[in-house]
Structure formats: C-alpha cells, structure tokens
Amino acid sequence: MTPSDWAALAVSVTTLVGVLAMGVRHLVKYYLSELRPNGGSSLKDAVNRLERQVEEIYSILINKK
C-alpha cells in the first residue's frame, strides 16, 4: 500500500470512530435526560408518581385494619 492509501485508511477509520462516538454521546444524553425530573413527562416523574400512589394505597390498607 502506498502512503496515500494508508492516509486514506486512517482518515476513514478516524471518521467512523468519530461518528460512532457522537452517536453514543447522543444516546447517553437522551437517556440521562429521561432520568431527571422535568415537570411531568420524564421517566423519573412517572416513577415518583407511582411511588406516591403506592404509599397512599399502603396507608389506606393500614388504616382499614
């Protein structure tokens, strides 16, 4: 292989690694944003609502005994 072939190979590998890294970065940012409360529509908010409802059910069941 000539030096220009090696250079082209290095550039293409570097580009592919960069694109892959940017894709992973985007996915991590998206999933981490779901774990922060944002006023109602995130996964964290849904879990908090469910926990609150379960606690209310427990208190109702305990008070009936």
PDB file of N, CA and C in Angstrom:
ATOM      1  N   MET A   1       0.845  -1.184   0.000  1.00  0.00           N
ATOM      2  CA  MET A   1       0.000   0.000   0.000  1.00  0.00           C
ATOM      3  C   MET A   1       0.885   1.240   0.000  1.00  0.00           C
ATOM      4  N   THR A   2       0.426   2.221  -0.712  1.00  0.00           N
ATOM      5  CA  THR A   2       1.171   3.466  -0.792  1.00  0.00           C
ATOM      6  C   THR A   2       0.842   4.335   0.416  1.00  0.00           C
ATOM      7  N   PRO A   3       1.668   5.340   0.665  1.00  0.00           N
ATOM      8  CA  PRO A   3       1.394   6.233   1.794  1.00  0.00           C
ATOM      9  C   PRO A   3       0.043   6.950   1.683  1.00  0.00           C
ATOM     10  N   SER A   4      -0.381   7.252   0.476  1.00  0.00           N
ATOM     11  CA  SER A   4      -1.686   7.907   0.327  1.00  0.00           C
ATOM     12  C   SER A   4      -2.825   6.936   0.654  1.00  0.00           C
ATOM     13  N   ASP A   5      -2.631   5.658   0.350  1.00  0.00           N
ATOM     14  CA  ASP A   5      -3.632   4.655   0.735  1.00  0.00           C
ATOM     15  C   ASP A   5      -3.731   4.537   2.249  1.00  0.00           C
ATOM     16  N   TRP A   6      -2.575   4.523   2.916  1.00  0.00           N
ATOM     17  CA  TRP A   6      -2.573   4.468   4.374  1.00  0.00           C
ATOM     18  C   TRP A   6      -3.236   5.698   4.968  1.00  0.00           C
ATOM     19  N   ALA A   7      -2.971   6.845   4.398  1.00  0.00           N
ATOM     20  CA  ALA A   7      -3.583   8.084   4.887  1.00  0.00           C
ATOM     21  C   ALA A   7      -5.098   8.048   4.695  1.00  0.00           C
ATOM     22  N   ALA A   8      -5.545   7.563   3.560  1.00  0.00           N
ATOM     23  CA  ALA A   8      -6.985   7.462   3.304  1.00  0.00           C
ATOM     24  C   ALA A   8      -7.637   6.484   4.280  1.00  0.00           C
ATOM     25  N   LEU A   9      -6.967   5.376   4.544  1.00  0.00           N
ATOM     26  CA  LEU A   9      -7.478   4.404   5.503  1.00  0.00           C
ATOM     27  C   LEU A   9      -7.559   5.007   6.901  1.00  0.00           C
ATOM     28  N   ALA A  10      -6.532   5.739   7.299  1.00  0.00           N
ATOM     29  CA  ALA A  10      -6.521   6.369   8.621  1.00  0.00           C
ATOM     30  C   ALA A  10      -7.635   7.395   8.745  1.00  0.00           C
ATOM     31  N   VAL A  11      -7.850   8.186   7.713  1.00  0.00           N
ATOM     32  CA  VAL A  11      -8.919   9.195   7.739  1.00  0.00           C
ATOM     33  C   VAL A  11     -10.282   8.525   7.814  1.00  0.00           C
ATOM     34  N   SER A  12     -10.475   7.467   7.056  1.00  0.00           N
ATOM     35  CA  SER A  12     -11.790   6.805   7.071  1.00  0.00           C
ATOM     36  C   SER A  12     -12.049   6.133   8.417  1.00  0.00           C
ATOM     37  N   VAL A  13     -11.039   5.492   8.999  1.00  0.00           N
ATOM     38  CA  VAL A  13     -11.212   4.869  10.313  1.00  0.00           C
ATOM     39  C   VAL A  13     -11.486   5.935  11.363  1.00  0.00           C
ATOM     40  N   THR A  14     -10.754   7.016  11.322  1.00  0.00           N
ATOM     41  CA  THR A  14     -10.965   8.113  12.276  1.00  0.00           C
ATOM     42  C   THR A  14     -12.366   8.689  12.137  1.00  0.00           C
ATOM     43  N   THR A  15     -12.834   8.847  10.929  1.00  0.00           N
ATOM     44  CA  THR A  15     -14.185   9.365  10.696  1.00  0.00           C
ATOM     45  C   THR A  15     -15.241   8.420  11.260  1.00  0.00           C
ATOM     46  N   LEU A  16     -15.081   7.135  11.009  1.00  0.00           N
ATOM     47  CA  LEU A  16     -16.040   6.156  11.520  1.00  0.00           C
ATOM     48  C   LEU A  16     -16.054   6.126  13.048  1.00  0.00           C
ATOM     49  N   VAL A  17     -14.897   6.185  13.661  1.00  0.00           N
ATOM     50  CA  VAL A  17     -14.821   6.201  15.122  1.00  0.00           C
ATOM     51  C   VAL A  17     -15.467   7.473  15.664  1.00  0.00           C
ATOM     52  N   GLY A  18     -15.245   8.585  15.008  1.00  0.00           N
ATOM     53  CA  GLY A  18     -15.854   9.850  15.435  1.00  0.00           C
ATOM     54  C   GLY A  18     -17.363   9.824  15.337  1.00  0.00           C
ATOM     55  N   VAL A  19     -17.878   9.280  14.251  1.00  0.00           N
ATOM     56  CA  VAL A  19     -19.335   9.182  14.079  1.00  0.00           C
ATOM     57  C   VAL A  19     -19.926   8.263  15.138  1.00  0.00           C
ATOM     58  N   LEU A  20     -19.268   7.157  15.412  1.00  0.00           N
ATOM     59  CA  LEU A  20     -19.731   6.235  16.441  1.00  0.00           C
ATOM     60  C   LEU A  20     -19.726   6.903  17.815  1.00  0.00           C
ATOM     61  N   ALA A  21     -18.674   7.639  18.115  1.00  0.00           N
ATOM     62  CA  ALA A  21     -18.592   8.337  19.403  1.00  0.00           C
ATOM     63  C   ALA A  21     -19.690   9.385  19.536  1.00  0.00           C
ATOM     64  N   MET A  22     -19.981  10.104  18.487  1.00  0.00           N
ATOM     65  CA  MET A  22     -21.048  11.108  18.533  1.00  0.00           C
ATOM     66  C   MET A  22     -22.406  10.439  18.715  1.00  0.00           C
ATOM     67  N   GLY A  23     -22.615   9.296  18.089  1.00  0.00           N
ATOM     68  CA  GLY A  23     -23.873   8.574  18.259  1.00  0.00           C
ATOM     69  C   GLY A  23     -24.059   8.103  19.690  1.00  0.00           C
ATOM     70  N   VAL A  24     -23.009   7.561  20.276  1.00  0.00           N
ATOM     71  CA  VAL A  24     -23.084   7.115  21.668  1.00  0.00           C
ATOM     72  C   VAL A  24     -23.321   8.312  22.584  1.00  0.00           C
ATOM     73  N   ARG A  25     -22.661   9.408  22.327  1.00  0.00           N
ATOM     74  CA  ARG A  25     -22.840  10.614  23.142  1.00  0.00           C
ATOM     75  C   ARG A  25     -24.288  11.093  23.086  1.00  0.00           C
ATOM     76  N   HIS A  26     -24.869  11.082  21.900  1.00  0.00           N
ATOM     77  CA  HIS A  26     -26.260  11.500  21.743  1.00  0.00           C
ATOM     78  C   HIS A  26     -27.193  10.584  22.534  1.00  0.00           C
ATOM     79  N   LEU A  27     -26.982   9.283  22.437  1.00  0.00           N
ATOM     80  CA  LEU A  27     -27.827   8.339  23.160  1.00  0.00           C
ATOM     81  C   LEU A  27     -27.698   8.508  24.670  1.00  0.00           C
ATOM     82  N   VAL A  28     -26.495   8.711  25.159  1.00  0.00           N
ATOM     83  CA  VAL A  28     -26.292   8.898  26.596  1.00  0.00           C
ATOM     84  C   VAL A  28     -26.991  10.163  27.074  1.00  0.00           C
ATOM     85  N   LYS A  29     -26.870  11.245  26.318  1.00  0.00           N
ATOM     86  CA  LYS A  29     -27.550  12.488  26.701  1.00  0.00           C
ATOM     87  C   LYS A  29     -29.061  12.293  26.729  1.00  0.00           C
ATOM     88  N   TYR A  30     -29.598  11.570  25.761  1.00  0.00           N
ATOM     89  CA  TYR A  30     -31.042  11.347  25.702  1.00  0.00           C
ATOM     90  C   TYR A  30     -31.514  10.539  26.902  1.00  0.00           C
ATOM     91  N   TYR A  31     -30.826   9.443  27.201  1.00  0.00           N
ATOM     92  CA  TYR A  31     -31.267   8.592  28.306  1.00  0.00           C
ATOM     93  C   TYR A  31     -31.057   9.266  29.653  1.00  0.00           C
ATOM     94  N   LEU A  32     -30.002  10.038  29.812  1.00  0.00           N
ATOM     95  CA  LEU A  32     -29.798  10.745  31.075  1.00  0.00           C
ATOM     96  C   LEU A  32     -30.845  11.833  31.274  1.00  0.00           C
ATOM     97  N   SER A  33     -31.318  12.433  30.199  1.00  0.00           N
ATOM     98  CA  SER A  33     -32.353  13.462  30.348  1.00  0.00           C
ATOM     99  C   SER A  33     -33.663  12.852  30.823  1.00  0.00           C
ATOM    100  N   GLU A  34     -33.895  11.583  30.526  1.00  0.00           N
ATOM    101  CA  GLU A  34     -35.111  10.912  30.994  1.00  0.00           C
ATOM    102  C   GLU A  34     -35.061  10.628  32.490  1.00  0.00           C
ATOM    103  N   LEU A  35     -33.893  10.627  33.078  1.00  0.00           N
ATOM    104  CA  LEU A  35     -33.755  10.303  34.492  1.00  0.00           C
ATOM    105  C   LEU A  35     -33.798  11.537  35.382  1.00  0.00           C
ATOM    106  N   ARG A  36     -33.984  12.714  34.804  1.00  0.00           N
ATOM    107  CA  ARG A  36     -34.109  13.946  35.575  1.00  0.00           C
ATOM    108  C   ARG A  36     -35.561  14.402  35.558  1.00  0.00           C
ATOM    109  N   PRO A  37     -36.058  14.847  36.723  1.00  0.00           N
ATOM    110  CA  PRO A  37     -37.430  15.359  36.725  1.00  0.00           C
ATOM    111  C   PRO A  37     -37.537  16.631  35.877  1.00  0.00           C
ATOM    112  N   ASN A  38     -38.624  16.748  35.104  1.00  0.00           N
ATOM    113  CA  ASN A  38     -38.782  17.933  34.262  1.00  0.00           C
ATOM    114  C   ASN A  38     -40.192  18.496  34.307  1.00  0.00           C
ATOM    115  N   GLY A  39     -40.952  18.111  35.291  1.00  0.00           N
ATOM    116  CA  GLY A  39     -42.279  18.694  35.422  1.00  0.00           C
ATOM    117  C   GLY A  39     -43.404  17.775  34.983  1.00  0.00           C
ATOM    118  N   GLY A  40     -43.141  16.512  34.711  1.00  0.00           N
ATOM    119  CA  GLY A  40     -44.247  15.625  34.426  1.00  0.00           C
ATOM    120  C   GLY A  40     -44.056  14.584  33.360  1.00  0.00           C
ATOM    121  N   SER A  41     -43.189  14.788  32.403  1.00  0.00           N
ATOM    122  CA  SER A  41     -43.145  13.848  31.292  1.00  0.00           C
ATOM    123  C   SER A  41     -41.918  12.943  31.284  1.00  0.00           C
ATOM    124  N   SER A  42     -41.050  13.041  32.279  1.00  0.00           N
ATOM    125  CA  SER A  42     -39.868  12.189  32.272  1.00  0.00           C
ATOM    126  C   SER A  42     -40.148  10.888  33.008  1.00  0.00           C
ATOM    127  N   LEU A  43     -39.286   9.937  32.818  1.00  0.00           N
ATOM    128  CA  LEU A  43     -39.398   8.648  33.485  1.00  0.00           C
ATOM    129  C   LEU A  43     -39.289   8.820  34.998  1.00  0.00           C
ATOM    130  N   LYS A  44     -38.426   9.709  35.433  1.00  0.00           N
ATOM    131  CA  LYS A  44     -38.262   9.977  36.865  1.00  0.00           C
ATOM    132  C   LYS A  44     -39.558  10.494  37.468  1.00  0.00           C
ATOM    133  N   ASP A  45     -40.255  11.379  36.783  1.00  0.00           N
ATOM    134  CA  ASP A  45     -41.527  11.902  37.279  1.00  0.00           C
ATOM    135  C   ASP A  45     -42.570  10.796  37.376  1.00  0.00           C
ATOM    136  N   ALA A  46     -42.596   9.915  36.399  1.00  0.00           N
ATOM    137  CA  ALA A  46     -43.561   8.810  36.425  1.00  0.00           C
ATOM    138  C   ALA A  46     -43.293   7.874  37.601  1.00  0.00           C
ATOM    139  N   VAL A  47     -42.036   7.584  37.865  1.00  0.00           N
ATOM    140  CA  VAL A  47     -41.683   6.730  38.997  1.00  0.00           C
ATOM    141  C   VAL A  47     -42.073   7.406  40.302  1.00  0.00           C
ATOM    142  N   ASN A  48     -41.828   8.696  40.407  1.00  0.00           N
ATOM    143  CA  ASN A  48     -42.203   9.420  41.624  1.00  0.00           C
ATOM    144  C   ASN A  48     -43.710   9.394  41.850  1.00  0.00           C
ATOM    145  N   ARG A  49     -44.494   9.541  40.781  1.00  0.00           N
ATOM    146  CA  ARG A  49     -45.953   9.470  40.908  1.00  0.00           C
ATOM    147  C   ARG A  49     -46.398   8.089  41.378  1.00  0.00           C
ATOM    148  N   LEU A  50     -45.817   7.059  40.789  1.00  0.00           N
ATOM    149  CA  LEU A  50     -46.184   5.694  41.184  1.00  0.00           C
ATOM    150  C   LEU A  50     -45.821   5.419  42.640  1.00  0.00           C
ATOM    151  N   GLU A  51     -44.669   5.866  43.073  1.00  0.00           N
ATOM    152  CA  GLU A  51     -44.272   5.669  44.473  1.00  0.00           C
ATOM    153  C   GLU A  51     -45.247   6.369  45.408  1.00  0.00           C
ATOM    154  N   ARG A  52     -45.641   7.564  45.054  1.00  0.00           N
ATOM    155  CA  ARG A  52     -46.579   8.319  45.892  1.00  0.00           C
ATOM    156  C   ARG A  52     -47.929   7.594  45.969  1.00  0.00           C
ATOM    157  N   GLN A  53     -48.392   7.061  44.850  1.00  0.00           N
ATOM    158  CA  GLN A  53     -49.667   6.344  44.835  1.00  0.00           C
ATOM    159  C   GLN A  53     -49.598   5.047  45.636  1.00  0.00           C
ATOM    160  N   VAL A  54     -48.491   4.341  45.557  1.00  0.00           N
ATOM    161  CA  VAL A  54     -48.334   3.108  46.329  1.00  0.00           C
ATOM    162  C   VAL A  54     -48.323   3.419  47.823  1.00  0.00           C
ATOM    163  N   GLU A  55     -47.660   4.492  48.213  1.00  0.00           N
ATOM    164  CA  GLU A  55     -47.655   4.884  49.622  1.00  0.00           C
ATOM    165  C   GLU A  55     -49.069   5.211  50.096  1.00  0.00           C
ATOM    166  N   GLU A  56     -49.862   5.866  49.267  1.00  0.00           N
ATOM    167  CA  GLU A  56     -51.251   6.170  49.631  1.00  0.00           C
ATOM    168  C   GLU A  56     -52.061   4.887  49.789  1.00  0.00           C
ATOM    169  N   ILE A  57     -51.845   3.923  48.900  1.00  0.00           N
ATOM    170  CA  ILE A  57     -52.556   2.637  48.994  1.00  0.00           C
ATOM    171  C   ILE A  57     -52.164   1.925  50.280  1.00  0.00           C
ATOM    172  N   TYR A  58     -50.873   1.919  50.612  1.00  0.00           N
ATOM    173  CA  TYR A  58     -50.431   1.300  51.861  1.00  0.00           C
ATOM    174  C   TYR A  58     -51.077   1.952  53.068  1.00  0.00           C
ATOM    175  N   SER A  59     -51.132   3.269  53.078  1.00  0.00           N
ATOM    176  CA  SER A  59     -51.716   3.950  54.232  1.00  0.00           C
ATOM    177  C   SER A  59     -53.213   3.654  54.334  1.00  0.00           C
ATOM    178  N   ILE A  60     -53.926   3.547  53.232  1.00  0.00           N
ATOM    179  CA  ILE A  60     -55.346   3.198  53.252  1.00  0.00           C
ATOM    180  C   ILE A  60     -55.527   1.784  53.790  1.00  0.00           C
ATOM    181  N   LEU A  61     -54.693   0.842  53.332  1.00  0.00           N
ATOM    182  CA  LEU A  61     -54.809  -0.535  53.800  1.00  0.00           C
ATOM    183  C   LEU A  61     -54.480  -0.668  55.284  1.00  0.00           C
ATOM    184  N   ILE A  62     -53.509   0.068  55.754  1.00  0.00           N
ATOM    185  CA  ILE A  62     -53.129   0.007  57.170  1.00  0.00           C
ATOM    186  C   ILE A  62     -54.237   0.599  58.040  1.00  0.00           C
ATOM    187  N   ASN A  63     -54.852   1.666  57.591  1.00  0.00           N
ATOM    188  CA  ASN A  63     -55.897   2.322  58.377  1.00  0.00           C
ATOM    189  C   ASN A  63     -57.182   1.496  58.435  1.00  0.00           C
ATOM    190  N   LYS A  64     -57.404   0.588  57.487  1.00  0.00           N
ATOM    191  CA  LYS A  64     -58.617  -0.236  57.487  1.00  0.00           C
ATOM    192  C   LYS A  64     -58.542  -1.348  58.519  1.00  0.00           C
ATOM    193  N   LYS A  65     -57.362  -1.735  58.942  1.00  0.00           N
ATOM    194  CA  LYS A  65     -57.226  -2.847  59.896  1.00  0.00           C
ATOM    195  C   LYS A  65     -57.583  -2.470  61.266  1.00  0.00           C
TER     196      LYS A  65
END
